Amino acid sequence: MSAPEDKGNSKSCPDLSVVVPVYNAAQYLEKLAEDFLALREYNISCQCIFVDDGSSDGSREVISDLARSSESIVSAFNGQNRGAGIARNVGWRMATGRYTLFFDADDTIHRDVVPQVLARMDMHPTLDTAILFYSRQKRETSEILGMARIDQDLLLECLGGRDEAMGPPNAMAGLLAMNNFPWNKILRTERFRQAGLKFGKTQVHNDLLGHWHALLHARQVLLMNKTLCTHRVSKSGSNLTSRFNADRLQMFAALSELLDFLEDRPEWSRMYARQFWGLAQRMVDWAGPRLDPDLKTRFDMQYSDLLCRIHLADLARIRTQGSGGLAKRIVNHLIR
């Protein structure tokens, strides 16, 4: 087992912490560690935090070997598979870098983009979140795909024809509708430590809470028309996002957790009600037709339970903000 040796270059406060939840990803870990530690070529010190989430393929042993090979690699181990969100929360508590990136074990970082992002964030101390483009790669064929269309359209709209844009969260509220991927964002660690950043507890959609944290707690958000990473996707259904069995019902627990987060902050609850309930409806529209048929009744009941939490004032506000169709669908579902 080999990995770049960098003990002489480590710093008490690295430039970047990378938190990686690991579940049966042994074949990718050494290369991923090499890629991130190679950021020293750009004079960037990196702390890699691997959190094994109950793997059974030897990932635990690989992580232990990597941690012994370099003091810049940190290991943590969950006794059982608890989900990527909980693994990220474990790793987040160990992050000491000035900035933090939450990454997936089988994805690929575009190293040359990282120093450009950090330089911009260093230049503007209130830039707390950087959001970039990503690409996707099919595991089976290695074919490179573009990013999801909705994400691309939202980013391009906010960029407005520019290569870079920055602004406060309320000016970037449309990005709340993006897929809640964590690996195309770099966060200012101190800011989000103070804000109490965390990811959700569910197996699916656990990144939803982290995505809204990353946007709403930022003082300023940076958008860059550059690709930060390549994400691997599978046609085989091994990705959690491809599962439409009973696991998918956890989406309502994830949405409830996000709603709790908003209701703890009444100003945000009022300001972003349209975005939240629009997201909930889109998730229902996406998952419902794909769900195992014998789960349909439970699915509808859990959605009704979630809708019962909507405030009448928010419903009226959604209607007057030009989303009458969404308001009508909510009411129709509740009274049927």
C-alpha atoms as a PDB file:
ATOM      1  CA  MET A   1       0.000   0.000   0.000  1.00  0.00           C
ATOM      2  CA  SER A   2       1.590   3.243  -1.075  1.00  0.00           C
ATOM      3  CA  ALA A   3       0.555   6.858  -0.644  1.00  0.00           C
ATOM      4  CA  PRO A   4       2.403  10.145  -0.934  1.00  0.00           C
ATOM      5  CA  GLU A   5       4.495  10.821   2.153  1.00  0.00           C
ATOM      6  CA  ASP A   6       4.068  14.431   3.240  1.00  0.00           C
ATOM      7  CA  LYS A   7       4.782  14.532   6.958  1.00  0.00           C
ATOM      8  CA  GLY A   8       7.347  17.245   6.447  1.00  0.00           C
ATOM      9  CA  ASN A   9       4.810  19.517   4.735  1.00  0.00           C
ATOM     10  CA  SER A  10       1.851  19.187   7.123  1.00  0.00           C
ATOM     11  CA  LYS A  11       0.498  22.227   8.953  1.00  0.00           C
ATOM     12  CA  SER A  12      -1.343  22.532  12.227  1.00  0.00           C
ATOM     13  CA  CYS A  13      -4.159  24.173  10.281  1.00  0.00           C
ATOM     14  CA  PRO A  14      -4.409  22.690   6.772  1.00  0.00           C
ATOM     15  CA  ASP A  15      -5.779  24.739   3.930  1.00  0.00           C
ATOM     16  CA  LEU A  16      -8.423  22.142   3.079  1.00  0.00           C
ATOM     17  CA  SER A  17     -10.113  19.298   4.946  1.00  0.00           C
ATOM     18  CA  VAL A  18     -11.751  16.641   2.784  1.00  0.00           C
ATOM     19  CA  VAL A  19     -14.395  14.505   4.515  1.00  0.00           C
ATOM     20  CA  VAL A  20     -15.066  11.194   2.754  1.00  0.00           C
ATOM     21  CA  PRO A  21     -17.728   8.693   3.893  1.00  0.00           C
ATOM     22  CA  VAL A  22     -16.669   5.203   2.835  1.00  0.00           C
ATOM     23  CA  TYR A  23     -18.869   2.191   2.262  1.00  0.00           C
ATOM     24  CA  ASN A  24     -17.330  -0.713   0.336  1.00  0.00           C
ATOM     25  CA  ALA A  25     -15.066   1.536  -1.741  1.00  0.00           C
ATOM     26  CA  ALA A  26     -11.657  -0.007  -1.054  1.00  0.00           C
ATOM     27  CA  GLN A  27     -10.577   0.078  -4.698  1.00  0.00           C
ATOM     28  CA  TYR A  28     -10.807   3.880  -4.878  1.00  0.00           C
ATOM     29  CA  LEU A  29      -9.260   5.035  -1.618  1.00  0.00           C
ATOM     30  CA  GLU A  30      -5.537   5.023  -2.347  1.00  0.00           C
ATOM     31  CA  LYS A  31      -5.959   6.965  -5.589  1.00  0.00           C
ATOM     32  CA  LEU A  32      -8.273   9.462  -3.900  1.00  0.00           C
ATOM     33  CA  ALA A  33      -5.756  10.061  -1.110  1.00  0.00           C
ATOM     34  CA  GLU A  34      -2.980  10.544  -3.659  1.00  0.00           C
ATOM     35  CA  ASP A  35      -5.051  13.048  -5.614  1.00  0.00           C
ATOM     36  CA  PHE A  36      -5.837  15.219  -2.611  1.00  0.00           C
ATOM     37  CA  LEU A  37      -2.377  15.068  -1.055  1.00  0.00           C
ATOM     38  CA  ALA A  38      -0.991  16.051  -4.472  1.00  0.00           C
ATOM     39  CA  LEU A  39      -2.573  19.476  -3.945  1.00  0.00           C
ATOM     40  CA  ARG A  40       0.732  20.335  -2.288  1.00  0.00           C
ATOM     41  CA  GLU A  41       1.937  20.895  -5.877  1.00  0.00           C
ATOM     42  CA  TYR A  42      -0.212  24.035  -5.694  1.00  0.00           C
ATOM     43  CA  ASN A  43       1.097  24.898  -2.203  1.00  0.00           C
ATOM     44  CA  ILE A  44      -2.164  23.685  -0.639  1.00  0.00           C
ATOM     45  CA  SER A  45      -2.003  21.502   2.448  1.00  0.00           C
ATOM     46  CA  CYS A  46      -4.800  18.953   2.690  1.00  0.00           C
ATOM     47  CA  GLN A  47      -6.254  16.870   5.504  1.00  0.00           C
ATOM     48  CA  CYS A  48      -8.075  13.753   4.258  1.00  0.00           C
ATOM     49  CA  ILE A  49     -10.635  12.306   6.677  1.00  0.00           C
ATOM     50  CA  PHE A  50     -11.921   8.855   5.758  1.00  0.00           C
ATOM     51  CA  VAL A  51     -14.927   7.617   7.745  1.00  0.00           C
ATOM     52  CA  ASP A  52     -15.645   3.943   7.191  1.00  0.00           C
ATOM     53  CA  ASP A  53     -19.373   3.279   7.494  1.00  0.00           C
ATOM     54  CA  GLY A  54     -19.448  -0.442   8.224  1.00  0.00           C
ATOM     55  CA  SER A  55     -17.741  -1.674   5.049  1.00  0.00           C
ATOM     56  CA  SER A  56     -17.220  -5.392   4.406  1.00  0.00           C
ATOM     57  CA  ASP A  57     -14.801  -5.215   1.456  1.00  0.00           C
ATOM     58  CA  GLY A  58     -11.552  -4.361   3.233  1.00  0.00           C
ATOM     59  CA  SER A  59     -12.058  -0.585   3.179  1.00  0.00           C
ATOM     60  CA  ARG A  60     -11.372  -0.427   6.903  1.00  0.00           C
ATOM     61  CA  GLU A  61      -7.916  -1.983   6.461  1.00  0.00           C
ATOM     62  CA  VAL A  62      -7.070   0.272   3.511  1.00  0.00           C
ATOM     63  CA  ILE A  63      -8.037   3.354   5.519  1.00  0.00           C
ATOM     64  CA  SER A  64      -5.924   2.210   8.464  1.00  0.00           C
ATOM     65  CA  ASP A  65      -2.904   1.691   6.176  1.00  0.00           C
ATOM     66  CA  LEU A  66      -3.366   5.113   4.602  1.00  0.00           C
ATOM     67  CA  ALA A  67      -3.615   6.795   8.000  1.00  0.00           C
ATOM     68  CA  ARG A  68      -0.355   5.136   9.071  1.00  0.00           C
ATOM     69  CA  SER A  69       1.370   6.316   5.886  1.00  0.00           C
ATOM     70  CA  SER A  70       0.725  10.043   6.388  1.00  0.00           C
ATOM     71  CA  GLU A  71      -0.264  12.263   9.273  1.00  0.00           C
ATOM     72  CA  SER A  72      -2.413  14.202   6.797  1.00  0.00           C
ATOM     73  CA  ILE A  73      -4.789  11.226   6.570  1.00  0.00           C
ATOM     74  CA  VAL A  74      -7.239  10.730   9.433  1.00  0.00           C
ATOM     75  CA  SER A  75      -9.367   7.642   9.981  1.00  0.00           C
ATOM     76  CA  ALA A  76     -12.661   7.026  11.749  1.00  0.00           C
ATOM     77  CA  PHE A  77     -14.852   3.935  11.879  1.00  0.00           C
ATOM     78  CA  ASN A  78     -18.572   3.375  12.387  1.00  0.00           C
ATOM     79  CA  GLY A  79     -19.356  -0.074  13.746  1.00  0.00           C
ATOM     80  CA  GLN A  80     -22.266  -0.498  11.329  1.00  0.00           C
ATOM     81  CA  ASN A  81     -23.631   1.079   8.173  1.00  0.00           C
ATOM     82  CA  ARG A  82     -25.481   4.187   9.389  1.00  0.00           C
ATOM     83  CA  GLY A  83     -25.562   6.248   6.190  1.00  0.00           C
ATOM     84  CA  ALA A  84     -23.350   8.824   4.500  1.00  0.00           C
ATOM     85  CA  GLY A  85     -24.921  11.721   6.389  1.00  0.00           C
ATOM     86  CA  ILE A  86     -23.931  10.383   9.797  1.00  0.00           C
ATOM     87  CA  ALA A  87     -20.472   9.473   8.465  1.00  0.00           C
ATOM     88  CA  ARG A  88     -20.043  13.036   7.195  1.00  0.00           C
ATOM     89  CA  ASN A  89     -21.060  14.407  10.590  1.00  0.00           C
ATOM     90  CA  VAL A  90     -18.399  12.215  12.234  1.00  0.00           C
ATOM     91  CA  GLY A  91     -15.736  13.432   9.819  1.00  0.00           C
ATOM     92  CA  TRP A  92     -16.875  17.053  10.075  1.00  0.00           C
ATOM     93  CA  ARG A  93     -16.158  17.057  13.807  1.00  0.00           C
ATOM     94  CA  MET A  94     -12.551  16.107  12.985  1.00  0.00           C
ATOM     95  CA  ALA A  95     -11.963  18.723  10.281  1.00  0.00           C
ATOM     96  CA  THR A  96      -9.252  21.273  11.085  1.00  0.00           C
ATOM     97  CA  GLY A  97      -8.752  22.892   7.667  1.00  0.00           C
ATOM     98  CA  ARG A  98      -9.544  26.501   6.857  1.00  0.00           C
ATOM     99  CA  TYR A  99     -11.950  25.157   4.237  1.00  0.00           C
ATOM    100  CA  THR A 100     -13.876  21.893   4.003  1.00  0.00           C
ATOM    101  CA  LEU A 101     -15.005  19.779   1.067  1.00  0.00           C
ATOM    102  CA  PHE A 102     -17.382  16.825   1.529  1.00  0.00           C
ATOM    103  CA  PHE A 103     -16.497  14.255  -1.109  1.00  0.00           C
ATOM    104  CA  ASP A 104     -17.503  10.760  -2.223  1.00  0.00           C
ATOM    105  CA  ALA A 105     -14.993   7.925  -2.195  1.00  0.00           C
ATOM    106  CA  ASP A 106     -15.385   6.938  -5.847  1.00  0.00           C
ATOM    107  CA  ASP A 107     -15.436  10.449  -7.353  1.00  0.00           C
ATOM    108  CA  THR A 108     -12.582  12.351  -8.995  1.00  0.00           C
ATOM    109  CA  ILE A 109     -11.379  15.811  -7.970  1.00  0.00           C
ATOM    110  CA  HIS A 110     -10.244  18.297 -10.616  1.00  0.00           C
ATOM    111  CA  ARG A 111      -7.154  19.377  -8.721  1.00  0.00           C
ATOM    112  CA  ASP A 112      -6.300  22.451 -10.770  1.00  0.00           C
ATOM    113  CA  VAL A 113      -9.624  24.100  -9.861  1.00  0.00           C
ATOM    114  CA  VAL A 114      -9.175  23.859  -6.080  1.00  0.00           C
ATOM    115  CA  PRO A 115      -6.446  26.541  -5.777  1.00  0.00           C
ATOM    116  CA  GLN A 116      -8.526  28.925  -7.892  1.00  0.00           C
ATOM    117  CA  VAL A 117     -11.487  28.544  -5.536  1.00  0.00           C
ATOM    118  CA  LEU A 118      -9.434  28.947  -2.375  1.00  0.00           C
ATOM    119  CA  ALA A 119      -7.697  32.020  -3.778  1.00  0.00           C
ATOM    120  CA  ARG A 120     -11.030  33.713  -4.451  1.00  0.00           C
ATOM    121  CA  MET A 121     -12.353  32.830  -0.994  1.00  0.00           C
ATOM    122  CA  ASP A 122      -9.131  34.066   0.633  1.00  0.00           C
ATOM    123  CA  MET A 123      -9.513  37.342  -1.244  1.00  0.00           C
ATOM    124  CA  HIS A 124     -13.092  37.849   0.032  1.00  0.00           C
ATOM    125  CA  PRO A 125     -13.389  36.790   3.707  1.00  0.00           C
ATOM    126  CA  THR A 126     -17.208  36.813   3.635  1.00  0.00           C
ATOM    127  CA  LEU A 127     -17.383  34.238   0.832  1.00  0.00           C
ATOM    128  CA  ASP A 128     -18.366  31.228   2.913  1.00  0.00           C
ATOM    129  CA  THR A 129     -19.651  28.823   0.248  1.00  0.00           C
ATOM    130  CA  ALA A 130     -18.336  28.173  -3.254  1.00  0.00           C
ATOM    131  CA  ILE A 131     -20.551  26.204  -5.645  1.00  0.00           C
ATOM    132  CA  LEU A 132     -19.145  24.879  -8.904  1.00  0.00           C
ATOM    133  CA  PHE A 133     -20.110  22.693 -11.811  1.00  0.00           C
ATOM    134  CA  TYR A 134     -19.562  18.940 -11.884  1.00  0.00           C
ATOM    135  CA  SER A 135     -19.587  16.217 -14.498  1.00  0.00           C
ATOM    136  CA  ARG A 136     -20.816  12.640 -14.289  1.00  0.00           C
ATOM    137  CA  GLN A 137     -19.205   9.418 -15.447  1.00  0.00           C
ATOM    138  CA  LYS A 138     -20.958   6.119 -16.111  1.00  0.00           C
ATOM    139  CA  ARG A 139     -19.265   3.360 -14.145  1.00  0.00           C
ATOM    140  CA  GLU A 140     -20.022   0.720 -16.755  1.00  0.00           C
ATOM    141  CA  THR A 141     -18.709   2.563 -19.824  1.00  0.00           C
ATOM    142  CA  SER A 142     -16.654   5.470 -18.400  1.00  0.00           C
ATOM    143  CA  GLU A 143     -18.713   7.762 -20.642  1.00  0.00           C
ATOM    144  CA  ILE A 144     -18.540  11.357 -19.397  1.00  0.00           C
ATOM    145  CA  LEU A 145     -21.891  13.103 -19.020  1.00  0.00           C
ATOM    146  CA  GLY A 146     -22.739  16.679 -18.236  1.00  0.00           C
ATOM    147  CA  MET A 147     -24.201  17.707 -14.928  1.00  0.00           C
ATOM    148  CA  ALA A 148     -27.908  17.239 -14.252  1.00  0.00           C
ATOM    149  CA  ARG A 149     -29.877  19.619 -16.452  1.00  0.00           C
ATOM    150  CA  ILE A 150     -31.743  21.323 -13.597  1.00  0.00           C
ATOM    151  CA  ASP A 151     -28.448  22.054 -11.820  1.00  0.00           C
ATOM    152  CA  GLN A 152     -26.811  23.388 -14.951  1.00  0.00           C
ATOM    153  CA  ASP A 153     -29.758  25.657 -15.750  1.00  0.00           C
ATOM    154  CA  LEU A 154     -29.926  27.047 -12.208  1.00  0.00           C
ATOM    155  CA  LEU A 155     -26.201  27.776 -12.062  1.00  0.00           C
ATOM    156  CA  LEU A 156     -26.153  29.384 -15.497  1.00  0.00           C
ATOM    157  CA  GLU A 157     -29.150  31.534 -14.597  1.00  0.00           C
ATOM    158  CA  CYS A 158     -27.430  32.820 -11.460  1.00  0.00           C
ATOM    159  CA  LEU A 159     -24.183  33.381 -13.352  1.00  0.00           C
ATOM    160  CA  GLY A 160     -26.043  35.482 -15.917  1.00  0.00           C
ATOM    161  CA  GLY A 161     -23.495  34.913 -18.668  1.00  0.00           C
ATOM    162  CA  ARG A 162     -20.509  35.552 -16.396  1.00  0.00           C
ATOM    163  CA  ASP A 163     -17.779  33.110 -15.441  1.00  0.00           C
ATOM    164  CA  GLU A 164     -18.118  34.070 -11.791  1.00  0.00           C
ATOM    165  CA  ALA A 165     -20.760  35.583  -9.536  1.00  0.00           C
ATOM    166  CA  MET A 166     -21.175  36.252  -5.843  1.00  0.00           C
ATOM    167  CA  GLY A 167     -24.061  37.378  -3.695  1.00  0.00           C
ATOM    168  CA  PRO A 168     -26.004  36.837  -0.466  1.00  0.00           C
ATOM    169  CA  PRO A 169     -28.159  33.723   0.026  1.00  0.00           C
ATOM    170  CA  ASN A 170     -31.450  35.487  -0.730  1.00  0.00           C
ATOM    171  CA  ALA A 171     -30.080  36.448  -4.154  1.00  0.00           C
ATOM    172  CA  MET A 172     -29.141  32.797  -4.753  1.00  0.00           C
ATOM    173  CA  ALA A 173     -32.358  31.264  -3.399  1.00  0.00           C
ATOM    174  CA  GLY A 174     -33.001  29.488  -6.686  1.00  0.00           C
ATOM    175  CA  LEU A 175     -30.015  27.248  -5.933  1.00  0.00           C
ATOM    176  CA  LEU A 176     -31.985  25.671  -3.089  1.00  0.00           C
ATOM    177  CA  ALA A 177     -33.711  23.690  -5.846  1.00  0.00           C
ATOM    178  CA  MET A 178     -30.430  22.119  -6.978  1.00  0.00           C
ATOM    179  CA  ASN A 179     -29.731  18.479  -6.338  1.00  0.00           C
ATOM    180  CA  ASN A 180     -28.382  18.365  -2.817  1.00  0.00           C
ATOM    181  CA  PHE A 181     -24.931  17.072  -3.740  1.00  0.00           C
ATOM    182  CA  PRO A 182     -22.145  18.021  -1.323  1.00  0.00           C
ATOM    183  CA  TRP A 183     -19.150  17.376  -3.537  1.00  0.00           C
ATOM    184  CA  ASN A 184     -19.366  20.487  -5.725  1.00  0.00           C
ATOM    185  CA  LYS A 185     -19.151  22.887  -2.760  1.00  0.00           C
ATOM    186  CA  ILE A 186     -16.229  24.207  -0.729  1.00  0.00           C
ATOM    187  CA  LEU A 187     -17.137  25.700   2.656  1.00  0.00           C
ATOM    188  CA  ARG A 188     -15.372  28.056   5.057  1.00  0.00           C
ATOM    189  CA  THR A 189     -14.889  25.807   8.063  1.00  0.00           C
ATOM    190  CA  GLU A 190     -15.022  28.378  10.848  1.00  0.00           C
ATOM    191  CA  ARG A 191     -18.259  29.898   9.571  1.00  0.00           C
ATOM    192  CA  PHE A 192     -20.076  26.582   9.394  1.00  0.00           C
ATOM    193  CA  ARG A 193     -18.621  25.323  12.649  1.00  0.00           C
ATOM    194  CA  GLN A 194     -20.240  28.309  14.337  1.00  0.00           C
ATOM    195  CA  ALA A 195     -23.467  27.764  12.394  1.00  0.00           C
ATOM    196  CA  GLY A 196     -23.778  24.118  13.461  1.00  0.00           C
ATOM    197  CA  LEU A 197     -23.613  22.568   9.987  1.00  0.00           C
ATOM    198  CA  LYS A 198     -24.821  18.983   9.885  1.00  0.00           C
ATOM    199  CA  PHE A 199     -26.146  16.376   7.507  1.00  0.00           C
ATOM    200  CA  GLY A 200     -29.299  14.335   7.910  1.00  0.00           C
ATOM    201  CA  LYS A 201     -29.744  10.973   9.627  1.00  0.00           C
ATOM    202  CA  THR A 202     -31.543   9.118   6.839  1.00  0.00           C
ATOM    203  CA  GLN A 203     -29.961   6.681   4.395  1.00  0.00           C
ATOM    204  CA  VAL A 204     -31.398   8.567   1.409  1.00  0.00           C
ATOM    205  CA  HIS A 205     -31.516  12.345   0.965  1.00  0.00           C
ATOM    206  CA  ASN A 206     -29.208  12.871   3.963  1.00  0.00           C
ATOM    207  CA  ASP A 207     -27.420  15.611   1.999  1.00  0.00           C
ATOM    208  CA  LEU A 208     -30.591  17.690   1.791  1.00  0.00           C
ATOM    209  CA  LEU A 209     -30.068  19.337   5.185  1.00  0.00           C
ATOM    210  CA  GLY A 210     -26.386  19.969   4.465  1.00  0.00           C
ATOM    211  CA  HIS A 211     -27.216  21.644   1.161  1.00  0.00           C
ATOM    212  CA  TRP A 212     -29.591  24.152   2.763  1.00  0.00           C
ATOM    213  CA  HIS A 213     -27.144  24.769   5.609  1.00  0.00           C
ATOM    214  CA  ALA A 214     -24.396  25.478   3.067  1.00  0.00           C
ATOM    215  CA  LEU A 215     -26.491  28.082   1.263  1.00  0.00           C
ATOM    216  CA  LEU A 216     -28.478  29.790   4.008  1.00  0.00           C
ATOM    217  CA  HIS A 217     -25.718  30.108   6.603  1.00  0.00           C
ATOM    218  CA  ALA A 218     -23.283  31.673   4.129  1.00  0.00           C
ATOM    219  CA  ARG A 219     -22.742  35.421   4.295  1.00  0.00           C
ATOM    220  CA  GLN A 220     -21.889  35.410   0.587  1.00  0.00           C
ATOM    221  CA  VAL A 221     -22.034  32.617  -1.989  1.00  0.00           C
ATOM    222  CA  LEU A 222     -19.485  32.263  -4.793  1.00  0.00           C
ATOM    223  CA  LEU A 223     -20.416  30.652  -8.108  1.00  0.00           C
ATOM    224  CA  MET A 224     -17.715  29.671 -10.589  1.00  0.00           C
ATOM    225  CA  ASN A 225     -18.183  28.337 -14.097  1.00  0.00           C
ATOM    226  CA  LYS A 226     -15.591  25.627 -13.583  1.00  0.00           C
ATOM    227  CA  THR A 227     -15.890  21.891 -13.000  1.00  0.00           C
ATOM    228  CA  LEU A 228     -14.729  20.819  -9.554  1.00  0.00           C
ATOM    229  CA  CYS A 229     -15.312  17.063  -9.719  1.00  0.00           C
ATOM    230  CA  THR A 230     -16.526  14.090 -11.699  1.00  0.00           C
ATOM    231  CA  HIS A 231     -19.171  11.968 -10.010  1.00  0.00           C
ATOM    232  CA  ARG A 232     -19.578   8.282 -10.877  1.00  0.00           C
ATOM    233  CA  VAL A 233     -23.092   7.011 -11.517  1.00  0.00           C
ATOM    234  CA  SER A 234     -24.296   3.471 -12.078  1.00  0.00           C
ATOM    235  CA  LYS A 235     -27.036   2.037 -14.274  1.00  0.00           C
ATOM    236  CA  SER A 236     -27.113  -1.075 -12.114  1.00  0.00           C
ATOM    237  CA  GLY A 237     -29.121   0.556  -9.331  1.00  0.00           C
ATOM    238  CA  SER A 238     -26.390   0.240  -6.724  1.00  0.00           C
ATOM    239  CA  ASN A 239     -26.540   3.973  -6.051  1.00  0.00           C
ATOM    240  CA  LEU A 240     -28.917   4.858  -3.229  1.00  0.00           C
ATOM    241  CA  THR A 241     -30.549   7.359  -5.574  1.00  0.00           C
ATOM    242  CA  SER A 242     -31.630   4.419  -7.753  1.00  0.00           C
ATOM    243  CA  ARG A 243     -33.540   2.632  -4.998  1.00  0.00           C
ATOM    244  CA  PHE A 244     -37.310   2.884  -4.933  1.00  0.00           C
ATOM    245  CA  ASN A 245     -38.099   0.324  -2.261  1.00  0.00           C
ATOM    246  CA  ALA A 246     -39.111   1.161   1.319  1.00  0.00           C
ATOM    247  CA  ASP A 247     -35.824   3.074   1.746  1.00  0.00           C
ATOM    248  CA  ARG A 248     -37.275   5.808  -0.462  1.00  0.00           C
ATOM    249  CA  LEU A 249     -39.942   6.590   2.142  1.00  0.00           C
ATOM    250  CA  GLN A 250     -37.160   8.070   4.261  1.00  0.00           C
ATOM    251  CA  MET A 251     -37.370  11.101   1.991  1.00  0.00           C
ATOM    252  CA  PHE A 252     -40.226  12.364   4.173  1.00  0.00           C
ATOM    253  CA  ALA A 253     -38.089  12.067   7.302  1.00  0.00           C
ATOM    254  CA  ALA A 254     -35.375  14.037   5.479  1.00  0.00           C
ATOM    255  CA  LEU A 255     -37.891  16.713   4.473  1.00  0.00           C
ATOM    256  CA  SER A 256     -39.275  16.864   8.024  1.00  0.00           C
ATOM    257  CA  GLU A 257     -35.750  17.332   9.367  1.00  0.00           C
ATOM    258  CA  LEU A 258     -35.222  20.189   6.913  1.00  0.00           C
ATOM    259  CA  LEU A 259     -38.554  21.730   7.875  1.00  0.00           C
ATOM    260  CA  ASP A 260     -37.529  21.556  11.548  1.00  0.00           C
ATOM    261  CA  PHE A 261     -34.362  23.424  10.610  1.00  0.00           C
ATOM    262  CA  LEU A 262     -36.386  26.181   8.947  1.00  0.00           C
ATOM    263  CA  GLU A 263     -39.023  26.429  11.664  1.00  0.00           C
ATOM    264  CA  ASP A 264     -36.283  26.963  14.231  1.00  0.00           C
ATOM    265  CA  ARG A 265     -35.557  30.152  12.286  1.00  0.00           C
ATOM    266  CA  PRO A 266     -38.975  31.791  11.665  1.00  0.00           C
ATOM    267  CA  GLU A 267     -37.570  34.443   9.325  1.00  0.00           C
ATOM    268  CA  TRP A 268     -36.122  31.765   7.047  1.00  0.00           C
ATOM    269  CA  SER A 269     -39.278  29.696   7.363  1.00  0.00           C
ATOM    270  CA  ARG A 270     -41.299  32.580   5.949  1.00  0.00           C
ATOM    271  CA  MET A 271     -38.701  33.655   3.397  1.00  0.00           C
ATOM    272  CA  TYR A 272     -38.078  30.223   1.883  1.00  0.00           C
ATOM    273  CA  ALA A 273     -41.465  28.505   2.298  1.00  0.00           C
ATOM    274  CA  ARG A 274     -42.061  28.558  -1.455  1.00  0.00           C
ATOM    275  CA  GLN A 275     -38.662  26.957  -2.103  1.00  0.00           C
ATOM    276  CA  PHE A 276     -39.217  24.282   0.536  1.00  0.00           C
ATOM    277  CA  TRP A 277     -42.700  23.234  -0.522  1.00  0.00           C
ATOM    278  CA  GLY A 278     -41.754  23.438  -4.183  1.00  0.00           C
ATOM    279  CA  LEU A 279     -38.846  21.091  -3.466  1.00  0.00           C
ATOM    280  CA  ALA A 280     -41.113  18.689  -1.583  1.00  0.00           C
ATOM    281  CA  GLN A 281     -43.548  18.591  -4.503  1.00  0.00           C
ATOM    282  CA  ARG A 282     -40.763  17.980  -7.035  1.00  0.00           C
ATOM    283  CA  MET A 283     -39.386  15.132  -4.927  1.00  0.00           C
ATOM    284  CA  VAL A 284     -42.851  13.575  -4.721  1.00  0.00           C
ATOM    285  CA  ASP A 285     -43.331  13.970  -8.478  1.00  0.00           C
ATOM    286  CA  TRP A 286     -39.953  12.335  -9.093  1.00  0.00           C
ATOM    287  CA  ALA A 287     -40.183   9.442  -6.632  1.00  0.00           C
ATOM    288  CA  GLY A 288     -43.909   8.625  -6.779  1.00  0.00           C
ATOM    289  CA  PRO A 289     -44.077   7.119 -10.287  1.00  0.00           C
ATOM    290  CA  ARG A 290     -40.880   5.114  -9.696  1.00  0.00           C
ATOM    291  CA  LEU A 291     -41.905   3.682  -6.336  1.00  0.00           C
ATOM    292  CA  ASP A 292     -42.711   0.011  -5.808  1.00  0.00           C
ATOM    293  CA  PRO A 293     -46.520  -0.124  -6.288  1.00  0.00           C
ATOM    294  CA  ASP A 294     -47.214  -1.769  -2.914  1.00  0.00           C
ATOM    295  CA  LEU A 295     -45.693   1.273  -1.184  1.00  0.00           C
ATOM    296  CA  LYS A 296     -47.943   3.814  -2.863  1.00  0.00           C
ATOM    297  CA  THR A 297     -50.480   4.093  -0.009  1.00  0.00           C
ATOM    298  CA  ARG A 298     -47.775   4.600   2.626  1.00  0.00           C
ATOM    299  CA  PHE A 299     -46.080   7.133   0.362  1.00  0.00           C
ATOM    300  CA  ASP A 300     -49.269   9.200  -0.035  1.00  0.00           C
ATOM    301  CA  MET A 301     -50.018   9.074   3.691  1.00  0.00           C
ATOM    302  CA  GLN A 302     -46.546  10.265   4.637  1.00  0.00           C
ATOM    303  CA  TYR A 303     -46.768  13.112   2.137  1.00  0.00           C
ATOM    304  CA  SER A 304     -50.129  14.112   3.622  1.00  0.00           C
ATOM    305  CA  ASP A 305     -48.579  14.101   7.095  1.00  0.00           C
ATOM    306  CA  LEU A 306     -45.827  16.423   5.877  1.00  0.00           C
ATOM    307  CA  LEU A 307     -48.314  18.765   4.178  1.00  0.00           C
ATOM    308  CA  CYS A 308     -50.274  19.063   7.419  1.00  0.00           C
ATOM    309  CA  ARG A 309     -47.328  21.034   8.781  1.00  0.00           C
ATOM    310  CA  ILE A 310     -47.741  23.884   6.301  1.00  0.00           C
ATOM    311  CA  HIS A 311     -48.771  27.203   7.833  1.00  0.00           C
ATOM    312  CA  LEU A 312     -51.826  28.867   6.276  1.00  0.00           C
ATOM    313  CA  ALA A 313     -49.876  32.133   6.041  1.00  0.00           C
ATOM    314  CA  ASP A 314     -47.157  30.352   4.061  1.00  0.00           C
ATOM    315  CA  LEU A 315     -49.733  28.777   1.787  1.00  0.00           C
ATOM    316  CA  ALA A 316     -51.245  32.201   1.095  1.00  0.00           C
ATOM    317  CA  ARG A 317     -47.773  33.622   0.522  1.00  0.00           C
ATOM    318  CA  ILE A 318     -46.946  30.867  -1.963  1.00  0.00           C
ATOM    319  CA  ARG A 319     -50.138  31.675  -3.864  1.00  0.00           C
ATOM    320  CA  THR A 320     -49.386  35.401  -4.037  1.00  0.00           C
ATOM    321  CA  GLN A 321     -45.738  34.856  -5.030  1.00  0.00           C
ATOM    322  CA  GLY A 322     -46.725  33.512  -8.400  1.00  0.00           C
ATOM    323  CA  SER A 323     -46.866  29.845  -7.427  1.00  0.00           C
ATOM    324  CA  GLY A 324     -50.618  29.411  -7.493  1.00  0.00           C
ATOM    325  CA  GLY A 325     -50.274  26.025  -9.168  1.00  0.00           C
ATOM    326  CA  LEU A 326     -48.161  24.716  -6.295  1.00  0.00           C
ATOM    327  CA  ALA A 327     -50.618  26.066  -3.717  1.00  0.00           C
ATOM    328  CA  LYS A 328     -53.515  24.437  -5.551  1.00  0.00           C
ATOM    329  CA  ARG A 329     -51.775  21.064  -5.665  1.00  0.00           C
ATOM    330  CA  ILE A 330     -51.045  21.226  -1.925  1.00  0.00           C
ATOM    331  CA  VAL A 331     -54.669  22.038  -1.103  1.00  0.00           C
ATOM    332  CA  ASN A 332     -56.020  19.360  -3.456  1.00  0.00           C
ATOM    333  CA  HIS A 333     -53.810  16.711  -1.879  1.00  0.00           C
ATOM    334  CA  LEU A 334     -54.934  17.682   1.616  1.00  0.00           C
ATOM    335  CA  ILE A 335     -58.673  17.655   0.894  1.00  0.00           C
ATOM    336  CA  ARG A 336     -58.927  14.593  -1.306  1.00  0.00           C
END
